[in-house]
Amino acid sequence: IRKSRLVEVAEGQPAQGDFPACLVANENYHHFRVVLVRTDPATERLILTAAQLDALKCHAGDRVRLVRLCAEEKTA
């Protein structure tokens, strides 16, 4: 979670591809929600479906936390 970033969300059809699993969480402390999505962890604008936005209790234009679920480990 330390490596999570804030990104803006938009409603639409997420891009298809071989993306890594990422956690996406809202910023609402009292109504915290998180979903698992496959997306580019470096994206600046995250496209989510209406169902995903509803699950997070957020709307297009809101900012969410995004982090790759299993980040690659550094090698020496």
Protein backbone atom coordinates (compact mmCIF):
# COMPACT_ATOMS: atom_id res chain seq x y z
CA ILE A 1 0.00 0.00 0.00
CA ARG A 2 2.97 2.28 0.60
CA LYS A 3 3.54 2.31 -3.18
CA SER A 4 -0.06 3.19 -4.03
CA ARG A 5 -0.84 6.30 -6.08
CA LEU A 6 -3.85 8.54 -6.41
CA VAL A 7 -5.40 8.44 -9.88
CA GLU A 8 -8.58 9.86 -11.38
CA VAL A 9 -11.30 7.45 -12.46
CA ALA A 10 -13.55 7.64 -15.50
CA GLU A 11 -16.50 5.49 -16.52
CA GLY A 12 -16.17 3.37 -19.61
CA GLN A 13 -15.01 0.04 -20.93
CA PRO A 14 -11.57 -0.86 -19.50
CA ALA A 15 -8.84 -1.72 -22.01
CA GLN A 16 -8.35 -5.39 -22.75
CA GLY A 17 -4.90 -6.89 -22.44
CA ASP A 18 -2.52 -8.88 -20.31
CA PHE A 19 -2.33 -6.44 -17.39
CA PRO A 20 -1.28 -7.26 -13.82
CA ALA A 21 -3.77 -7.52 -10.97
CA CYS A 22 -4.16 -4.23 -9.10
CA LEU A 23 -6.06 -3.12 -6.03
CA VAL A 24 -8.21 -0.02 -6.42
CA ALA A 25 -9.58 1.61 -3.26
CA ASN A 26 -11.70 4.64 -2.51
CA GLU A 27 -10.47 7.36 -0.14
CA ASN A 28 -13.49 7.25 2.18
CA TYR A 29 -12.28 6.20 5.63
CA HIS A 30 -15.76 5.44 7.01
CA HIS A 31 -17.03 3.65 3.89
CA PHE A 32 -13.84 2.02 2.62
CA ARG A 33 -14.21 -0.14 -0.49
CA VAL A 34 -11.65 -1.95 -2.64
CA VAL A 35 -11.87 -3.91 -5.90
CA LEU A 36 -9.43 -6.09 -7.81
CA VAL A 37 -8.92 -5.12 -11.46
CA ARG A 38 -6.45 -5.93 -14.21
CA THR A 39 -4.99 -2.67 -15.45
CA ASP A 40 -1.79 -0.81 -16.22
CA PRO A 41 -0.45 0.18 -12.77
CA ALA A 42 1.28 3.23 -14.30
CA THR A 43 -1.91 4.74 -15.74
CA GLU A 44 -2.80 8.31 -14.81
CA ARG A 45 -6.52 7.91 -15.57
CA LEU A 46 -8.21 4.65 -14.64
CA ILE A 47 -11.20 3.52 -16.70
CA LEU A 48 -13.70 1.50 -14.65
CA THR A 49 -17.11 0.05 -15.49
CA ALA A 50 -20.26 1.46 -13.91
CA ALA A 51 -20.46 -1.66 -11.72
CA GLN A 52 -16.89 -1.17 -10.48
CA LEU A 53 -17.54 2.50 -9.72
CA ASP A 54 -20.69 1.52 -7.83
CA ALA A 55 -18.80 -1.14 -5.84
CA LEU A 56 -16.26 1.51 -4.84
CA LYS A 57 -19.02 4.03 -4.07
CA CYS A 58 -17.29 6.62 -6.24
CA HIS A 59 -18.05 8.57 -9.43
CA ALA A 60 -16.21 9.60 -12.58
CA GLY A 61 -13.72 12.32 -11.71
CA ASP A 62 -13.09 11.02 -8.18
CA ARG A 63 -9.60 10.02 -7.14
CA VAL A 64 -8.83 6.48 -5.99
CA ARG A 65 -5.76 4.65 -4.73
CA LEU A 66 -4.16 2.25 -7.22
CA VAL A 67 -1.43 -0.29 -6.44
CA ARG A 68 -0.14 -3.37 -8.20
CA LEU A 69 -1.12 -6.43 -6.16
CA CYS A 70 2.06 -8.45 -6.56
CA ALA A 71 4.77 -6.00 -7.48
CA GLU A 72 7.88 -7.58 -8.90
CA GLU A 73 10.65 -7.94 -6.37
CA LYS A 74 13.91 -6.12 -6.90
CA THR A 75 16.92 -8.27 -7.67
CA ALA A 76 20.46 -7.50 -6.58
